[in-house]
Amino acid sequence: MRATIYLSFWILLGSLLSVVPARADLLAAADPNQDKTDDDYRGRLMSLAVAYDWLHADLSEARREQYRRAIAAHVERQWYFAQRTNFVSGHPKRRREIFS
């Protein structure tokens, strides 16, 4: 019974890992400059960084470069929002003052 559970787990894990590179490619292809708030791309940036870290050994050099450029573009976009003193995490700071 235990062997069957372990085997099922590894089959499931293998099937999930087979889709990760394709999903990471979609994340890397997304343009962060099209996003209206930092909420739109923060999860994408974090997911892409984790995918890059976990898949690094299995990625081709071209794919690594694609992911690095995408991560850099998302980080660069973060500075756009960080420079706005009235805007934090998709919400105006004024709202925080109103509800305090």
N, C-alpha and C. Protein backbone atom coordinates (compact mmCIF):
# COMPACT_ATOMS: atom_id res chain seq x y z
N MET A 1 0.83 -1.20 0.00
CA MET A 1 0.00 0.00 0.00
C MET A 1 0.87 1.26 0.00
N ARG A 2 1.86 1.31 0.88
CA ARG A 2 2.73 2.47 0.98
C ARG A 2 3.47 2.70 -0.34
N ALA A 3 3.92 1.63 -0.98
CA ALA A 3 4.62 1.75 -2.26
C ALA A 3 3.71 2.34 -3.32
N THR A 4 2.45 1.96 -3.30
CA THR A 4 1.48 2.49 -4.27
C THR A 4 1.28 3.99 -4.05
N ILE A 5 1.22 4.40 -2.81
CA ILE A 5 1.06 5.82 -2.50
C ILE A 5 2.28 6.61 -2.98
N TYR A 6 3.47 6.09 -2.70
CA TYR A 6 4.69 6.76 -3.14
C TYR A 6 4.75 6.85 -4.66
N LEU A 7 4.41 5.75 -5.32
CA LEU A 7 4.43 5.74 -6.79
C LEU A 7 3.42 6.75 -7.34
N SER A 8 2.23 6.78 -6.77
CA SER A 8 1.21 7.74 -7.21
C SER A 8 1.69 9.17 -7.02
N PHE A 9 2.34 9.41 -5.88
CA PHE A 9 2.87 10.75 -5.62
C PHE A 9 3.90 11.14 -6.68
N TRP A 10 4.82 10.25 -7.00
CA TRP A 10 5.86 10.57 -7.98
C TRP A 10 5.29 10.74 -9.38
N ILE A 11 4.27 9.97 -9.72
CA ILE A 11 3.62 10.14 -11.03
C ILE A 11 2.94 11.50 -11.09
N LEU A 12 2.22 11.87 -10.03
CA LEU A 12 1.56 13.18 -9.98
C LEU A 12 2.58 14.30 -10.03
N LEU A 13 3.63 14.19 -9.24
CA LEU A 13 4.66 15.21 -9.23
C LEU A 13 5.31 15.35 -10.60
N GLY A 14 5.59 14.24 -11.24
CA GLY A 14 6.18 14.28 -12.58
C GLY A 14 5.28 14.95 -13.59
N SER A 15 3.97 14.68 -13.50
CA SER A 15 3.05 15.30 -14.45
C SER A 15 2.93 16.80 -14.19
N LEU A 16 3.00 17.21 -12.92
CA LEU A 16 2.96 18.64 -12.61
C LEU A 16 4.23 19.34 -13.08
N LEU A 17 5.37 18.71 -12.86
CA LEU A 17 6.63 19.33 -13.25
C LEU A 17 6.78 19.44 -14.76
N SER A 18 6.07 18.61 -15.49
CA SER A 18 6.18 18.68 -16.94
C SER A 18 5.53 19.95 -17.51
N VAL A 19 4.60 20.56 -16.78
CA VAL A 19 3.95 21.77 -17.28
C VAL A 19 4.62 23.05 -16.77
N VAL A 20 5.51 22.94 -15.79
CA VAL A 20 6.12 24.13 -15.20
C VAL A 20 6.91 24.95 -16.22
N PRO A 21 7.78 24.35 -17.05
CA PRO A 21 8.52 25.18 -18.01
C PRO A 21 7.60 25.93 -18.97
N ALA A 22 6.53 25.29 -19.42
CA ALA A 22 5.60 25.97 -20.33
C ALA A 22 4.92 27.14 -19.63
N ARG A 23 4.55 26.97 -18.38
CA ARG A 23 3.94 28.06 -17.62
C ARG A 23 4.94 29.18 -17.37
N ALA A 24 6.17 28.81 -17.07
CA ALA A 24 7.20 29.82 -16.85
C ALA A 24 7.47 30.61 -18.13
N ASP A 25 7.39 29.94 -19.27
CA ASP A 25 7.56 30.64 -20.55
C ASP A 25 6.47 31.70 -20.73
N LEU A 26 5.25 31.36 -20.34
CA LEU A 26 4.15 32.34 -20.43
C LEU A 26 4.39 33.53 -19.51
N LEU A 27 4.90 33.25 -18.31
CA LEU A 27 5.21 34.34 -17.38
C LEU A 27 6.30 35.24 -17.95
N ALA A 28 7.32 34.62 -18.55
CA ALA A 28 8.44 35.39 -19.10
C ALA A 28 8.01 36.23 -20.30
N ALA A 29 7.01 35.77 -21.01
CA ALA A 29 6.55 36.49 -22.21
C ALA A 29 5.64 37.68 -21.87
N ALA A 30 5.13 37.72 -20.65
CA ALA A 30 4.22 38.80 -20.26
C ALA A 30 4.96 40.13 -20.15
N ASP A 31 4.31 41.19 -20.59
CA ASP A 31 4.89 42.54 -20.55
C ASP A 31 4.42 43.27 -19.29
N PRO A 32 5.31 43.50 -18.32
CA PRO A 32 4.88 44.17 -17.09
C PRO A 32 4.46 45.61 -17.30
N ASN A 33 4.84 46.22 -18.41
CA ASN A 33 4.47 47.61 -18.67
C ASN A 33 3.00 47.75 -19.06
N GLN A 34 2.32 46.65 -19.33
CA GLN A 34 0.90 46.69 -19.64
C GLN A 34 0.04 46.66 -18.37
N ASP A 35 0.66 46.38 -17.24
CA ASP A 35 -0.07 46.27 -15.98
C ASP A 35 -0.42 47.64 -15.42
N LYS A 36 -1.60 47.75 -14.85
CA LYS A 36 -2.08 49.02 -14.31
C LYS A 36 -1.63 49.24 -12.87
N THR A 37 -1.51 48.17 -12.09
CA THR A 37 -1.07 48.29 -10.70
C THR A 37 0.01 47.25 -10.44
N ASP A 38 0.70 47.41 -9.33
CA ASP A 38 1.73 46.43 -9.00
C ASP A 38 1.14 45.09 -8.61
N ASP A 39 -0.12 45.05 -8.24
CA ASP A 39 -0.78 43.77 -7.95
C ASP A 39 -0.82 42.88 -9.18
N ASP A 40 -0.89 43.50 -10.36
CA ASP A 40 -1.00 42.73 -11.59
C ASP A 40 0.24 41.90 -11.90
N TYR A 41 1.39 42.34 -11.47
CA TYR A 41 2.60 41.62 -11.87
C TYR A 41 3.43 41.08 -10.72
N ARG A 42 3.14 41.43 -9.47
CA ARG A 42 3.96 40.96 -8.36
C ARG A 42 3.98 39.44 -8.26
N GLY A 43 2.83 38.82 -8.37
CA GLY A 43 2.77 37.36 -8.32
C GLY A 43 3.50 36.72 -9.49
N ARG A 44 3.39 37.37 -10.64
CA ARG A 44 4.09 36.87 -11.83
C ARG A 44 5.60 36.93 -11.62
N LEU A 45 6.08 38.03 -11.06
CA LEU A 45 7.51 38.18 -10.81
C LEU A 45 8.00 37.13 -9.82
N MET A 46 7.27 36.95 -8.74
CA MET A 46 7.69 35.97 -7.74
C MET A 46 7.66 34.55 -8.32
N SER A 47 6.63 34.22 -9.06
CA SER A 47 6.53 32.89 -9.65
C SER A 47 7.64 32.64 -10.66
N LEU A 48 7.95 33.63 -11.45
CA LEU A 48 9.02 33.48 -12.43
C LEU A 48 10.37 33.32 -11.75
N ALA A 49 10.61 34.06 -10.68
CA ALA A 49 11.86 33.93 -9.95
C ALA A 49 12.00 32.54 -9.32
N VAL A 50 10.92 32.02 -8.77
CA VAL A 50 10.95 30.67 -8.18
C VAL A 50 11.18 29.63 -9.28
N ALA A 51 10.50 29.78 -10.41
CA ALA A 51 10.69 28.83 -11.52
C ALA A 51 12.13 28.87 -12.00
N TYR A 52 12.70 30.05 -12.13
CA TYR A 52 14.09 30.17 -12.56
C TYR A 52 15.01 29.45 -11.58
N ASP A 53 14.77 29.65 -10.29
CA ASP A 53 15.61 29.02 -9.27
C ASP A 53 15.48 27.50 -9.30
N TRP A 54 14.26 27.01 -9.32
CA TRP A 54 14.04 25.57 -9.24
C TRP A 54 14.43 24.84 -10.52
N LEU A 55 14.26 25.49 -11.67
CA LEU A 55 14.53 24.83 -12.95
C LEU A 55 15.91 25.13 -13.50
N HIS A 56 16.68 25.94 -12.81
CA HIS A 56 17.95 26.44 -13.34
C HIS A 56 18.82 25.36 -13.96
N ALA A 57 18.99 24.26 -13.28
CA ALA A 57 19.88 23.20 -13.77
C ALA A 57 19.36 22.56 -15.05
N ASP A 58 18.05 22.61 -15.28
CA ASP A 58 17.46 21.97 -16.45
C ASP A 58 17.17 22.94 -17.59
N LEU A 59 17.43 24.22 -17.38
CA LEU A 59 17.14 25.23 -18.42
C LEU A 59 18.31 25.37 -19.38
N SER A 60 17.99 25.59 -20.64
CA SER A 60 19.04 25.91 -21.61
C SER A 60 19.53 27.32 -21.32
N GLU A 61 20.69 27.65 -21.84
CA GLU A 61 21.23 29.00 -21.61
C GLU A 61 20.31 30.06 -22.23
N ALA A 62 19.70 29.76 -23.36
CA ALA A 62 18.77 30.71 -23.99
C ALA A 62 17.55 30.96 -23.11
N ARG A 63 17.03 29.89 -22.52
CA ARG A 63 15.85 30.04 -21.65
C ARG A 63 16.23 30.78 -20.36
N ARG A 64 17.40 30.49 -19.83
CA ARG A 64 17.87 31.23 -18.64
C ARG A 64 17.94 32.71 -18.94
N GLU A 65 18.49 33.05 -20.08
CA GLU A 65 18.60 34.47 -20.46
C GLU A 65 17.22 35.09 -20.63
N GLN A 66 16.28 34.35 -21.22
CA GLN A 66 14.91 34.85 -21.38
C GLN A 66 14.28 35.14 -20.01
N TYR A 67 14.46 34.24 -19.07
CA TYR A 67 13.89 34.42 -17.73
C TYR A 67 14.59 35.57 -17.00
N ARG A 68 15.91 35.67 -17.13
CA ARG A 68 16.63 36.77 -16.48
C ARG A 68 16.15 38.12 -17.00
N ARG A 69 15.98 38.22 -18.30
CA ARG A 69 15.49 39.48 -18.88
C ARG A 69 14.08 39.81 -18.40
N ALA A 70 13.24 38.79 -18.31
CA ALA A 70 11.87 39.01 -17.84
C ALA A 70 11.85 39.45 -16.38
N ILE A 71 12.67 38.81 -15.57
CA ILE A 71 12.76 39.18 -14.16
C ILE A 71 13.25 40.62 -14.04
N ALA A 72 14.27 40.97 -14.80
CA ALA A 72 14.81 42.34 -14.76
C ALA A 72 13.75 43.36 -15.19
N ALA A 73 12.97 43.03 -16.22
CA ALA A 73 11.92 43.95 -16.68
C ALA A 73 10.86 44.14 -15.61
N HIS A 74 10.52 43.08 -14.90
CA HIS A 74 9.53 43.20 -13.83
C HIS A 74 10.07 43.99 -12.65
N VAL A 75 11.34 43.79 -12.32
CA VAL A 75 11.95 44.56 -11.23
C VAL A 75 12.03 46.03 -11.62
N GLU A 76 12.38 46.30 -12.85
CA GLU A 76 12.44 47.69 -13.33
C GLU A 76 11.06 48.34 -13.23
N ARG A 77 10.03 47.58 -13.54
CA ARG A 77 8.67 48.10 -13.43
C ARG A 77 8.32 48.41 -11.97
N GLN A 78 8.87 47.61 -11.05
CA GLN A 78 8.62 47.84 -9.63
C GLN A 78 9.07 49.24 -9.23
N TRP A 79 10.16 49.72 -9.79
CA TRP A 79 10.64 51.06 -9.44
C TRP A 79 9.63 52.13 -9.84
N TYR A 80 8.89 51.90 -10.88
CA TYR A 80 7.84 52.85 -11.29
C TYR A 80 6.87 53.06 -10.13
N PHE A 81 6.44 51.96 -9.52
CA PHE A 81 5.48 52.07 -8.42
C PHE A 81 6.14 52.50 -7.12
N ALA A 82 7.38 52.10 -6.89
CA ALA A 82 8.07 52.47 -5.66
C ALA A 82 8.33 53.97 -5.58
N GLN A 83 8.44 54.64 -6.73
CA GLN A 83 8.71 56.06 -6.75
C GLN A 83 7.47 56.90 -6.49
N ARG A 84 6.31 56.29 -6.51
CA ARG A 84 5.08 57.02 -6.26
C ARG A 84 4.75 56.95 -4.78
N THR A 85 4.82 58.07 -4.12
CA THR A 85 4.64 58.09 -2.67
C THR A 85 3.19 57.92 -2.26
N ASN A 86 2.27 58.03 -3.18
CA ASN A 86 0.85 57.91 -2.82
C ASN A 86 0.27 56.56 -3.25
N PHE A 87 1.11 55.56 -3.48
CA PHE A 87 0.63 54.32 -4.04
C PHE A 87 1.40 53.15 -3.43
N VAL A 88 0.70 52.22 -2.80
CA VAL A 88 1.35 51.05 -2.20
C VAL A 88 0.50 49.82 -2.45
N SER A 89 1.08 48.81 -3.02
CA SER A 89 0.42 47.51 -3.22
C SER A 89 -0.96 47.62 -3.86
N GLY A 90 -1.07 48.41 -4.88
CA GLY A 90 -2.32 48.52 -5.60
C GLY A 90 -3.36 49.40 -4.95
N HIS A 91 -3.00 50.05 -3.85
CA HIS A 91 -3.96 50.88 -3.13
C HIS A 91 -3.36 52.26 -2.87
N PRO A 92 -4.15 53.30 -3.03
CA PRO A 92 -3.66 54.63 -2.67
C PRO A 92 -3.41 54.71 -1.18
N LYS A 93 -2.35 55.40 -0.78
CA LYS A 93 -2.07 55.57 0.65
C LYS A 93 -3.19 56.36 1.33
N ARG A 94 -3.86 57.20 0.59
CA ARG A 94 -4.94 58.01 1.16
C ARG A 94 -6.00 57.11 1.78
N ARG A 95 -6.29 55.98 1.17
CA ARG A 95 -7.30 55.06 1.70
C ARG A 95 -6.88 54.60 3.09
N ARG A 96 -5.62 54.39 3.32
CA ARG A 96 -5.13 53.97 4.62
C ARG A 96 -5.43 55.05 5.66
N GLU A 97 -5.28 56.31 5.26
CA GLU A 97 -5.54 57.41 6.19
C GLU A 97 -7.03 57.50 6.51
N ILE A 98 -7.86 57.23 5.54
CA ILE A 98 -9.30 57.34 5.73
C ILE A 98 -9.79 56.31 6.72
N PHE A 99 -9.28 55.08 6.62
CA PHE A 99 -9.77 54.01 7.47
C PHE A 99 -9.01 53.89 8.79
N SER A 100 -8.02 54.72 9.02
CA SER A 100 -7.26 54.64 10.28
C SER A 100 -8.00 55.31 11.41
